[in-house]
Protein backbone atom coordinates (compact mmCIF):
# COMPACT_ATOMS: atom_id res chain seq x y z
CA UNK A 1 0.00 0.00 0.02
CA UNK A 2 1.01 3.66 -0.28
CA UNK A 3 2.43 5.41 2.79
CA UNK A 4 1.08 8.68 4.10
CA UNK A 5 4.35 10.36 3.03
CA UNK A 6 3.93 8.99 -0.54
CA UNK A 7 0.36 10.21 -0.66
CA UNK A 8 1.31 13.69 0.62
CA UNK A 9 4.14 13.96 -1.92
CA UNK A 10 1.97 12.76 -4.79
CA UNK A 11 -0.90 15.14 -3.94
CA UNK A 12 1.56 18.04 -3.45
CA UNK A 13 3.13 17.34 -6.85
CA UNK A 14 -0.31 17.11 -8.45
CA UNK A 15 -1.33 20.45 -7.00
CA UNK A 16 1.92 22.08 -8.11
CA UNK A 17 0.92 21.47 -11.71
CA UNK A 18 -2.07 23.74 -11.18
CA UNK A 19 0.35 26.52 -10.18
CA UNK A 20 2.53 25.72 -13.19
CA UNK A 21 5.47 25.21 -10.87
CA UNK A 22 8.47 24.14 -12.99
CA UNK A 23 9.48 21.78 -10.17
CA UNK A 24 6.16 19.89 -10.28
CA UNK A 25 7.41 17.02 -12.55
CA UNK A 26 10.25 16.27 -10.10
CA UNK A 27 7.68 15.10 -7.52
CA UNK A 28 7.30 11.98 -9.69
CA UNK A 29 10.12 9.58 -10.44
CA UNK A 30 10.67 8.75 -14.06
CA UNK A 31 10.98 4.98 -13.61
CA UNK A 32 8.58 2.23 -14.64
CA UNK A 33 8.54 0.99 -11.04
CA UNK A 34 7.29 4.39 -9.82
CA UNK A 35 4.78 4.50 -12.69
CA UNK A 36 3.38 1.07 -11.83
CA UNK A 37 3.34 1.97 -8.14
CA UNK A 38 1.27 5.10 -8.96
CA UNK A 39 -1.58 2.80 -10.11
CA UNK A 40 -2.09 1.99 -6.42
CA UNK A 41 -3.66 5.41 -6.23
CA UNK A 42 -6.68 3.62 -7.77
CA UNK A 43 -7.26 1.90 -4.43
CA UNK A 44 -7.00 5.18 -2.52
CA UNK A 45 -9.43 6.94 -4.86
CA UNK A 46 -11.92 4.05 -5.00
CA UNK A 47 -13.82 4.83 -1.82
CA UNK A 48 -14.09 8.48 -2.88
CA UNK A 49 -15.38 7.37 -6.24
CA UNK A 50 -17.95 5.07 -4.51
CA UNK A 51 -19.17 8.04 -2.48
CA UNK A 52 -19.32 10.12 -5.66
CA UNK A 53 -21.44 7.44 -7.32
CA UNK A 54 -23.79 7.27 -4.32
CA UNK A 55 -24.47 11.04 -4.67
CA UNK A 56 -24.71 10.76 -8.43
CA UNK A 57 -27.16 7.89 -8.42
CA UNK A 58 -29.29 9.61 -5.77
CA UNK A 59 -29.96 12.30 -8.43
CA UNK A 60 -30.85 10.06 -11.34
CA UNK A 61 -33.25 7.21 -12.05
CA UNK A 62 -32.12 3.94 -13.53
CA UNK A 63 -33.73 0.74 -14.71
CA UNK A 64 -30.87 -1.31 -13.20
CA UNK A 65 -30.63 -2.79 -9.73
CA UNK A 66 -27.87 -2.01 -7.26
CA UNK A 67 -25.82 -5.10 -8.02
CA UNK A 68 -25.82 -4.35 -11.78
CA UNK A 69 -24.84 -0.74 -11.10
CA UNK A 70 -21.99 -1.92 -8.83
CA UNK A 71 -20.64 -4.34 -11.36
CA UNK A 72 -20.87 -2.00 -14.41
CA UNK A 73 -19.40 0.94 -12.49
CA UNK A 74 -16.54 -1.18 -11.12
CA UNK A 75 -15.64 -2.32 -14.62
CA UNK A 76 -15.96 1.28 -15.85
CA UNK A 77 -13.64 2.53 -13.06
CA UNK A 78 -10.92 0.10 -14.03
CA UNK A 79 -11.25 0.51 -17.78
CA UNK A 80 -11.48 4.31 -17.59
CA UNK A 81 -8.36 4.47 -15.38
CA UNK A 82 -6.27 2.20 -17.58
CA UNK A 83 -7.47 3.20 -21.05
CA UNK A 84 -5.44 6.42 -21.51
CA UNK A 85 -2.07 4.93 -20.34
CA UNK A 86 -2.55 2.19 -22.95
CA UNK A 87 -3.55 4.64 -25.72
CA UNK A 88 -0.80 7.11 -24.79
CA UNK A 89 1.86 4.42 -24.81
CA UNK A 90 1.37 4.00 -28.55
CA UNK A 91 1.48 7.77 -29.12
CA UNK A 92 4.59 8.05 -26.94
CA UNK A 93 6.30 5.26 -28.87
CA UNK A 94 5.55 6.93 -32.22
CA UNK A 95 6.47 10.43 -31.07
CA UNK A 96 9.66 9.48 -29.19
CA UNK A 97 8.25 10.30 -25.71
CA UNK A 98 8.82 6.90 -24.08
CA UNK A 99 11.60 8.38 -22.01
CA UNK A 100 8.94 10.57 -20.29
CA UNK A 101 6.09 8.05 -20.28
CA UNK A 102 6.60 6.76 -16.69
CA UNK A 103 6.72 10.22 -15.10
CA UNK A 104 3.73 11.48 -17.11
CA UNK A 105 1.45 8.54 -16.39
CA UNK A 106 2.53 8.60 -12.74
CA UNK A 107 1.69 12.28 -12.50
CA UNK A 108 -1.71 11.78 -14.13
CA UNK A 109 -2.47 8.91 -11.73
CA UNK A 110 -1.64 11.08 -8.73
CA UNK A 111 -3.74 13.99 -10.08
CA UNK A 112 -6.78 11.69 -9.80
CA UNK A 113 -6.69 11.85 -5.99
CA UNK A 114 -7.09 15.61 -5.48
CA UNK A 115 -9.25 15.76 -8.62
CA UNK A 116 -11.69 13.22 -7.14
CA UNK A 117 -11.89 15.21 -3.89
CA UNK A 118 -12.69 18.33 -5.91
CA UNK A 119 -15.21 16.42 -8.07
CA UNK A 120 -16.89 15.01 -4.92
CA UNK A 121 -17.24 18.48 -3.39
CA UNK A 122 -18.50 19.90 -6.71
CA UNK A 123 -21.10 17.13 -7.13
CA UNK A 124 -22.29 17.56 -3.56
CA UNK A 125 -22.74 21.30 -3.96
CA UNK A 126 -24.31 20.88 -7.42
CA UNK A 127 -26.79 18.31 -6.12
CA UNK A 128 -28.30 20.82 -3.66
CA UNK A 129 -28.08 23.78 -6.03
CA UNK A 130 -30.54 25.09 -8.64
CA UNK A 131 -30.06 23.63 -12.10
CA UNK A 132 -28.35 26.70 -13.56
CA UNK A 133 -25.82 26.78 -10.73
CA UNK A 134 -25.28 23.02 -11.02
CA UNK A 135 -24.54 23.39 -14.70
CA UNK A 136 -22.00 26.20 -13.97
CA UNK A 137 -20.35 24.04 -11.33
CA UNK A 138 -20.03 21.14 -13.77
CA UNK A 139 -18.62 23.37 -16.51
CA UNK A 140 -16.13 24.91 -14.02
CA UNK A 141 -15.05 21.45 -12.88
CA UNK A 142 -14.50 20.30 -16.45
CA UNK A 143 -12.52 23.47 -17.26
CA UNK A 144 -10.33 22.88 -14.21
CA UNK A 145 -9.70 19.24 -15.09
CA UNK A 146 -8.96 20.07 -18.74
CA UNK A 147 -6.52 22.81 -17.71
CA UNK A 148 -4.85 20.46 -15.22
CA UNK A 149 -4.38 17.83 -17.91
CA UNK A 150 -3.07 20.35 -20.47
CA UNK A 151 -0.57 21.91 -18.09
CA UNK A 152 0.68 18.52 -16.87
CA UNK A 153 1.06 17.31 -20.46
CA UNK A 154 3.00 20.38 -21.48
CA UNK A 155 5.25 20.35 -18.41
CA UNK A 156 6.05 16.63 -18.36
CA UNK A 157 6.05 15.69 -22.02
CA UNK A 158 7.11 19.11 -23.33
CA UNK A 159 4.39 19.30 -26.02
CA UNK A 160 3.00 22.38 -27.65
CA UNK A 161 -0.49 23.64 -26.71
CA UNK A 162 -2.05 22.17 -29.92
CA UNK A 163 -0.46 18.76 -29.31
CA UNK A 164 -1.58 18.87 -25.67
CA UNK A 165 -5.12 19.55 -26.88
CA UNK A 166 -4.89 16.53 -29.19
CA UNK A 167 -3.82 14.37 -26.25
CA UNK A 168 -6.65 15.81 -24.16
CA UNK A 169 -9.07 14.72 -26.87
CA UNK A 170 -7.43 11.25 -26.94
CA UNK A 171 -7.97 11.10 -23.18
CA UNK A 172 -11.43 12.61 -22.98
CA UNK A 173 -13.36 11.19 -25.95
CA UNK A 174 -12.95 7.54 -25.06
CA UNK A 175 -13.88 8.38 -21.44
CA UNK A 176 -16.94 10.24 -22.65
CA UNK A 177 -17.97 7.33 -24.88
CA UNK A 178 -17.49 4.94 -22.01
CA UNK A 179 -19.71 7.14 -19.82
CA UNK A 180 -22.43 7.20 -22.49
CA UNK A 181 -22.21 3.46 -22.83
CA UNK A 182 -22.54 2.93 -19.08
CA UNK A 183 -25.52 5.31 -18.94
CA UNK A 184 -27.17 3.37 -21.76
CA UNK A 185 -26.48 -0.04 -20.18
CA UNK A 186 -27.83 1.07 -16.86
CA UNK A 187 -30.70 3.06 -18.27
CA UNK A 188 -29.74 6.24 -16.48
CA UNK A 189 -32.22 9.10 -16.73
CA UNK A 190 -31.51 12.42 -14.96
CA UNK A 191 -34.14 13.42 -12.41
CA UNK A 192 -36.06 16.43 -13.73
CA UNK A 193 -35.53 19.60 -11.71
CA UNK A 194 -38.52 20.75 -9.74
């Protein structure tokens, strides 16, 4: 498991990217061992994600039972977390970025911890807010997460803004399609605002 010191260092490094601190990448070792170890963050984030889903599913209707939701969302969690590292590996191989792959994926994995805390707080506030405010909160959260990804990509990989946007699309579109597929499988319908 991850130690408290590792978690503190990983979160600190993740937050440094938001401030565009040039030292932020150095919080993450550029070794495959460190990269693989960063996937343990999945276990740390999982309870937060479960809480996020409880709040989310309290605000939608679905034709699926709890066990089906649990299974489908568990599969989605793992697939969504692992999909971009697999897709990016091929891009890194073709572009000559494999020397930065481990640090980059490690940094993105660690970003998921503070990002999930922010998403959980945002969803909680949005769930008790009027629809217009909830939409603004969602848009603000997406903008923050996109910015975080873009800055991290630029700082660790050294890509241009346009190439960083392309990688954002490579990250975001499959995740969006997976979300739409899960919603369709589970028969999710948003609860109409009163």
